[in-house]
Amino acid sequence: MSQTKNDLIGACGIYCGLCTRYQSRAKSRCIGCKVTEMHSWCSIWNCCVKKYGFGTCADCSEYPCERYERRLAKYPEDLKTAQENLDEIKKLGFDNWLKGQRERRLLVENLLDNYNDGRSMSFYCKVCTVLPVEVINNAIEEARGKIMSNKISDSDMKSRAKILKAIIQKLFLNLGIDLKG
């Protein structure tokens, strides 16, 4: 089943391209709620997509509604960023917002391809969701420099991941961003 650029944004505002369930290569990989009705259990999807035919809740004049607020209260760690995304869509327009998300998705895919020790997917998805793109690119450049100076091979993913993760964790600390929240 082919996807379009608009398929990677959930009705609730979650951007699938930065989600570990989407980035997974397992058979249980989530393909996003826009491609099939596999997420018809979701009250937000049922209201937004099925009932009103909207792309996201940002298209609705009632957003944020009581249904969205209830869902946010139930899943604050997932929907806090989703709500921020919907607010940004309203502010910037969908296409401008999507351009930035595509850039973040490509970054997470780069991190997973080049710095994943097999246990870093959630970390890198969070990094690409939270940190500014320029900061992530700077961290990658710093890591490349350390990897080269330490003569670490491309196949030593554990050492490559350790270097990049240490740089990023320091950035989170300096920026006062909680990695767990």
C-alpha atoms as a PDB file:
ATOM      1  CA  MET A   1       0.000   0.000   0.000  1.00  0.00           C
ATOM      2  CA  SER A   2       1.589   3.299  -0.989  1.00  0.00           C
ATOM      3  CA  GLN A   3       1.593   6.326   1.234  1.00  0.00           C
ATOM      4  CA  THR A   4       1.457  10.009   0.462  1.00  0.00           C
ATOM      5  CA  LYS A   5       3.178  12.763   2.409  1.00  0.00           C
ATOM      6  CA  ASN A   6      -0.100  13.506   4.178  1.00  0.00           C
ATOM      7  CA  ASP A   7      -0.413   9.928   5.458  1.00  0.00           C
ATOM      8  CA  LEU A   8       2.326  10.423   8.038  1.00  0.00           C
ATOM      9  CA  ILE A   9       0.326  12.800  10.228  1.00  0.00           C
ATOM     10  CA  GLY A  10      -2.201  11.247  12.573  1.00  0.00           C
ATOM     11  CA  ALA A  11      -5.562  12.898  13.091  1.00  0.00           C
ATOM     12  CA  CYS A  12      -4.454  13.692  16.655  1.00  0.00           C
ATOM     13  CA  GLY A  13      -1.266  15.439  15.478  1.00  0.00           C
ATOM     14  CA  ILE A  14       1.273  12.675  16.052  1.00  0.00           C
ATOM     15  CA  TYR A  15       3.798  12.668  13.206  1.00  0.00           C
ATOM     16  CA  CYS A  16       4.293   8.998  12.316  1.00  0.00           C
ATOM     17  CA  GLY A  17       7.726   9.521  10.773  1.00  0.00           C
ATOM     18  CA  LEU A  18       9.151  10.240  14.248  1.00  0.00           C
ATOM     19  CA  CYS A  19       7.333   7.418  16.022  1.00  0.00           C
ATOM     20  CA  THR A  20       9.171   4.243  17.067  1.00  0.00           C
ATOM     21  CA  ARG A  21       6.194   2.119  16.045  1.00  0.00           C
ATOM     22  CA  TYR A  22       6.409   3.543  12.517  1.00  0.00           C
ATOM     23  CA  GLN A  23      10.228   3.377  12.286  1.00  0.00           C
ATOM     24  CA  SER A  24      10.249  -0.252  13.457  1.00  0.00           C
ATOM     25  CA  ARG A  25      11.158  -2.918  10.938  1.00  0.00           C
ATOM     26  CA  ALA A  26       9.177  -5.596  12.801  1.00  0.00           C
ATOM     27  CA  LYS A  27       6.128  -7.310  11.310  1.00  0.00           C
ATOM     28  CA  SER A  28       3.986  -5.438  13.840  1.00  0.00           C
ATOM     29  CA  ARG A  29       5.115  -2.080  12.415  1.00  0.00           C
ATOM     30  CA  CYS A  30       2.433   0.608  12.504  1.00  0.00           C
ATOM     31  CA  ILE A  31       1.829   2.169   9.104  1.00  0.00           C
ATOM     32  CA  GLY A  32      -0.099   5.131  10.458  1.00  0.00           C
ATOM     33  CA  CYS A  33      -3.775   5.785  10.965  1.00  0.00           C
ATOM     34  CA  LYS A  34      -4.337   7.429   7.589  1.00  0.00           C
ATOM     35  CA  VAL A  35      -3.557   4.410   5.422  1.00  0.00           C
ATOM     36  CA  THR A  36      -6.148   1.948   6.678  1.00  0.00           C
ATOM     37  CA  GLU A  37      -8.920   1.851   9.215  1.00  0.00           C
ATOM     38  CA  MET A  38      -6.737  -0.289  11.490  1.00  0.00           C
ATOM     39  CA  HIS A  39      -6.948   2.472  14.116  1.00  0.00           C
ATOM     40  CA  SER A  40     -10.733   2.697  14.087  1.00  0.00           C
ATOM     41  CA  TRP A  41     -10.621   2.091  17.856  1.00  0.00           C
ATOM     42  CA  CYS A  42      -9.334   5.665  18.306  1.00  0.00           C
ATOM     43  CA  SER A  43     -12.033   8.152  19.297  1.00  0.00           C
ATOM     44  CA  ILE A  44     -10.036  11.031  17.807  1.00  0.00           C
ATOM     45  CA  TRP A  45      -9.655   9.232  14.465  1.00  0.00           C
ATOM     46  CA  ASN A  46     -13.354   8.295  14.431  1.00  0.00           C
ATOM     47  CA  CYS A  47     -14.415  11.883  15.048  1.00  0.00           C
ATOM     48  CA  CYS A  48     -11.870  13.696  12.882  1.00  0.00           C
ATOM     49  CA  VAL A  49     -11.431  11.403   9.882  1.00  0.00           C
ATOM     50  CA  LYS A  50     -14.466   9.142   9.781  1.00  0.00           C
ATOM     51  CA  LYS A  51     -17.191  11.502  11.017  1.00  0.00           C
ATOM     52  CA  TYR A  52     -16.026  14.865   9.635  1.00  0.00           C
ATOM     53  CA  GLY A  53     -13.553  13.900   6.889  1.00  0.00           C
ATOM     54  CA  PHE A  54     -10.783  16.155   8.233  1.00  0.00           C
ATOM     55  CA  GLY A  55      -7.079  15.435   7.844  1.00  0.00           C
ATOM     56  CA  THR A  56      -6.244  16.488  11.395  1.00  0.00           C
ATOM     57  CA  CYS A  57      -8.001  18.014  14.372  1.00  0.00           C
ATOM     58  CA  ALA A  58      -6.348  21.320  13.378  1.00  0.00           C
ATOM     59  CA  ASP A  59      -8.905  21.499  10.535  1.00  0.00           C
ATOM     60  CA  CYS A  60     -11.794  21.501  13.019  1.00  0.00           C
ATOM     61  CA  SER A  61     -13.234  24.773  14.327  1.00  0.00           C
ATOM     62  CA  GLU A  62     -13.905  23.077  17.688  1.00  0.00           C
ATOM     63  CA  TYR A  63     -10.245  22.075  18.278  1.00  0.00           C
ATOM     64  CA  PRO A  64      -9.215  21.569  21.015  1.00  0.00           C
ATOM     65  CA  CYS A  65     -12.489  19.913  21.943  1.00  0.00           C
ATOM     66  CA  GLU A  66     -13.507  17.997  25.039  1.00  0.00           C
ATOM     67  CA  ARG A  67     -12.747  14.651  23.325  1.00  0.00           C
ATOM     68  CA  TYR A  68      -9.186  15.761  22.530  1.00  0.00           C
ATOM     69  CA  GLU A  69      -8.667  17.149  26.034  1.00  0.00           C
ATOM     70  CA  ARG A  70      -9.854  13.848  27.599  1.00  0.00           C
ATOM     71  CA  ARG A  71      -7.492  11.870  25.386  1.00  0.00           C
ATOM     72  CA  LEU A  72      -4.608  14.234  26.207  1.00  0.00           C
ATOM     73  CA  ALA A  73      -5.252  13.731  29.922  1.00  0.00           C
ATOM     74  CA  LYS A  74      -5.186   9.952  29.435  1.00  0.00           C
ATOM     75  CA  TYR A  75      -2.000   9.857  27.279  1.00  0.00           C
ATOM     76  CA  PRO A  76      -0.090  13.061  28.103  1.00  0.00           C
ATOM     77  CA  GLU A  77       3.337  11.704  27.088  1.00  0.00           C
ATOM     78  CA  ASP A  78       2.074  10.872  23.577  1.00  0.00           C
ATOM     79  CA  LEU A  79      -0.317  13.715  22.922  1.00  0.00           C
ATOM     80  CA  LYS A  80       1.612  16.665  24.385  1.00  0.00           C
ATOM     81  CA  THR A  81       3.804  16.769  21.277  1.00  0.00           C
ATOM     82  CA  ALA A  82       0.796  15.961  19.090  1.00  0.00           C
ATOM     83  CA  GLN A  83      -1.058  18.966  20.468  1.00  0.00           C
ATOM     84  CA  GLU A  84       2.008  21.147  19.879  1.00  0.00           C
ATOM     85  CA  ASN A  85       2.062  19.832  16.283  1.00  0.00           C
ATOM     86  CA  LEU A  86      -1.595  20.743  15.721  1.00  0.00           C
ATOM     87  CA  ASP A  87      -0.983  24.213  17.144  1.00  0.00           C
ATOM     88  CA  GLU A  88       2.001  24.623  14.793  1.00  0.00           C
ATOM     89  CA  ILE A  89      -0.091  23.442  11.821  1.00  0.00           C
ATOM     90  CA  LYS A  90      -2.687  26.117  12.623  1.00  0.00           C
ATOM     91  CA  LYS A  91       0.079  28.729  12.942  1.00  0.00           C
ATOM     92  CA  LEU A  92       2.359  27.787   9.996  1.00  0.00           C
ATOM     93  CA  GLY A  93      -0.044  26.003   7.659  1.00  0.00           C
ATOM     94  CA  PHE A  94       0.084  22.276   6.936  1.00  0.00           C
ATOM     95  CA  ASP A  95       2.603  22.306   4.070  1.00  0.00           C
ATOM     96  CA  ASN A  96       5.135  24.487   5.913  1.00  0.00           C
ATOM     97  CA  TRP A  97       4.826  22.400   9.052  1.00  0.00           C
ATOM     98  CA  LEU A  98       5.120  19.152   7.075  1.00  0.00           C
ATOM     99  CA  LYS A  99       8.342  20.309   5.429  1.00  0.00           C
ATOM    100  CA  GLY A 100       9.982  20.578   8.857  1.00  0.00           C
ATOM    101  CA  GLN A 101       8.651  17.165   9.914  1.00  0.00           C
ATOM    102  CA  ARG A 102      10.023  15.528   6.769  1.00  0.00           C
ATOM    103  CA  GLU A 103      13.438  16.961   7.597  1.00  0.00           C
ATOM    104  CA  ARG A 104      13.166  15.502  11.114  1.00  0.00           C
ATOM    105  CA  ARG A 105      12.080  12.095   9.732  1.00  0.00           C
ATOM    106  CA  LEU A 106      15.116  11.983   7.445  1.00  0.00           C
ATOM    107  CA  LEU A 107      17.319  12.833  10.432  1.00  0.00           C
ATOM    108  CA  VAL A 108      15.903  10.015  12.555  1.00  0.00           C
ATOM    109  CA  GLU A 109      16.380   7.596   9.663  1.00  0.00           C
ATOM    110  CA  ASN A 110      20.003   8.773   9.327  1.00  0.00           C
ATOM    111  CA  LEU A 111      20.552   8.245  13.054  1.00  0.00           C
ATOM    112  CA  LEU A 112      18.994   4.781  12.931  1.00  0.00           C
ATOM    113  CA  ASP A 113      21.041   3.761   9.892  1.00  0.00           C
ATOM    114  CA  ASN A 114      24.385   5.114  11.134  1.00  0.00           C
ATOM    115  CA  TYR A 115      24.302   5.234  14.946  1.00  0.00           C
ATOM    116  CA  ASN A 116      21.838   2.597  16.166  1.00  0.00           C
ATOM    117  CA  ASP A 117      23.337  -0.005  18.473  1.00  0.00           C
ATOM    118  CA  GLY A 118      20.053  -1.891  18.420  1.00  0.00           C
ATOM    119  CA  ARG A 119      18.747  -0.134  21.526  1.00  0.00           C
ATOM    120  CA  SER A 120      18.560   3.485  20.417  1.00  0.00           C
ATOM    121  CA  MET A 121      15.383   3.812  18.357  1.00  0.00           C
ATOM    122  CA  SER A 122      13.237   5.411  21.078  1.00  0.00           C
ATOM    123  CA  PHE A 123      16.069   7.742  22.045  1.00  0.00           C
ATOM    124  CA  TYR A 124      16.664   8.941  18.479  1.00  0.00           C
ATOM    125  CA  CYS A 125      12.947   9.368  17.783  1.00  0.00           C
ATOM    126  CA  LYS A 126      12.664  11.526  20.906  1.00  0.00           C
ATOM    127  CA  VAL A 127      15.768  13.516  19.936  1.00  0.00           C
ATOM    128  CA  CYS A 128      14.355  14.281  16.487  1.00  0.00           C
ATOM    129  CA  THR A 129      11.009  15.251  17.978  1.00  0.00           C
ATOM    130  CA  VAL A 130      12.350  17.562  20.680  1.00  0.00           C
ATOM    131  CA  LEU A 131      15.633  19.148  19.578  1.00  0.00           C
ATOM    132  CA  PRO A 132      15.966  21.785  16.861  1.00  0.00           C
ATOM    133  CA  VAL A 133      17.193  20.328  13.544  1.00  0.00           C
ATOM    134  CA  GLU A 134      20.301  22.536  13.565  1.00  0.00           C
ATOM    135  CA  VAL A 135      21.274  21.249  17.015  1.00  0.00           C
ATOM    136  CA  ILE A 136      20.900  17.622  15.866  1.00  0.00           C
ATOM    137  CA  ASN A 137      23.015  18.274  12.777  1.00  0.00           C
ATOM    138  CA  ASN A 138      25.702  19.896  14.941  1.00  0.00           C
ATOM    139  CA  ALA A 139      25.684  16.868  17.255  1.00  0.00           C
ATOM    140  CA  ILE A 140      26.107  14.542  14.273  1.00  0.00           C
ATOM    141  CA  GLU A 141      29.055  16.596  13.009  1.00  0.00           C
ATOM    142  CA  GLU A 142      30.666  16.569  16.449  1.00  0.00           C
ATOM    143  CA  ALA A 143      30.179  12.799  16.659  1.00  0.00           C
ATOM    144  CA  ARG A 144      31.684  12.300  13.186  1.00  0.00           C
ATOM    145  CA  GLY A 145      34.760  14.236  14.283  1.00  0.00           C
ATOM    146  CA  LYS A 146      35.187  12.110  17.413  1.00  0.00           C
ATOM    147  CA  ILE A 147      34.566   8.903  15.488  1.00  0.00           C
ATOM    148  CA  MET A 148      37.213   9.842  12.919  1.00  0.00           C
ATOM    149  CA  SER A 149      39.764  10.967  15.508  1.00  0.00           C
ATOM    150  CA  ASN A 150      39.245   7.727  17.472  1.00  0.00           C
ATOM    151  CA  LYS A 151      39.432   5.719  14.212  1.00  0.00           C
ATOM    152  CA  ILE A 152      36.170   3.900  14.917  1.00  0.00           C
ATOM    153  CA  SER A 153      35.019   1.761  12.018  1.00  0.00           C
ATOM    154  CA  ASP A 154      31.624   2.112  10.370  1.00  0.00           C
ATOM    155  CA  SER A 155      30.757  -1.395  11.561  1.00  0.00           C
ATOM    156  CA  ASP A 156      31.369  -0.587  15.266  1.00  0.00           C
ATOM    157  CA  MET A 157      27.836   0.637  15.830  1.00  0.00           C
ATOM    158  CA  LYS A 158      28.052   0.305  19.616  1.00  0.00           C
ATOM    159  CA  SER A 159      30.951   2.781  19.862  1.00  0.00           C
ATOM    160  CA  ARG A 160      29.410   5.129  17.291  1.00  0.00           C
ATOM    161  CA  ALA A 161      26.101   5.158  19.212  1.00  0.00           C
ATOM    162  CA  LYS A 162      27.876   5.696  22.547  1.00  0.00           C
ATOM    163  CA  ILE A 163      29.678   8.788  21.229  1.00  0.00           C
ATOM    164  CA  LEU A 164      26.597  10.371  19.634  1.00  0.00           C
ATOM    165  CA  LYS A 165      24.335   9.589  22.582  1.00  0.00           C
ATOM    166  CA  ALA A 166      26.800  11.163  25.037  1.00  0.00           C
ATOM    167  CA  ILE A 167      26.890  14.347  22.935  1.00  0.00           C
ATOM    168  CA  ILE A 168      23.095  14.482  22.708  1.00  0.00           C
ATOM    169  CA  GLN A 169      22.561  13.740  26.405  1.00  0.00           C
ATOM    170  CA  LYS A 170      24.865  16.642  27.235  1.00  0.00           C
ATOM    171  CA  LEU A 171      22.809  18.869  24.915  1.00  0.00           C
ATOM    172  CA  PHE A 172      19.587  17.848  26.653  1.00  0.00           C
ATOM    173  CA  LEU A 173      21.177  18.635  30.012  1.00  0.00           C
ATOM    174  CA  ASN A 174      22.492  22.028  28.829  1.00  0.00           C
ATOM    175  CA  LEU A 175      19.109  22.934  27.336  1.00  0.00           C
ATOM    176  CA  GLY A 176      17.278  21.820  30.468  1.00  0.00           C
ATOM    177  CA  ILE A 177      15.200  19.269  28.576  1.00  0.00           C
ATOM    178  CA  ASP A 178      14.008  16.213  30.508  1.00  0.00           C
ATOM    179  CA  LEU A 179      14.739  13.064  28.511  1.00  0.00           C
ATOM    180  CA  LYS A 180      12.009  11.143  30.313  1.00  0.00           C
ATOM    181  CA  GLY A 181       9.180  13.671  29.915  1.00  0.00           C
END
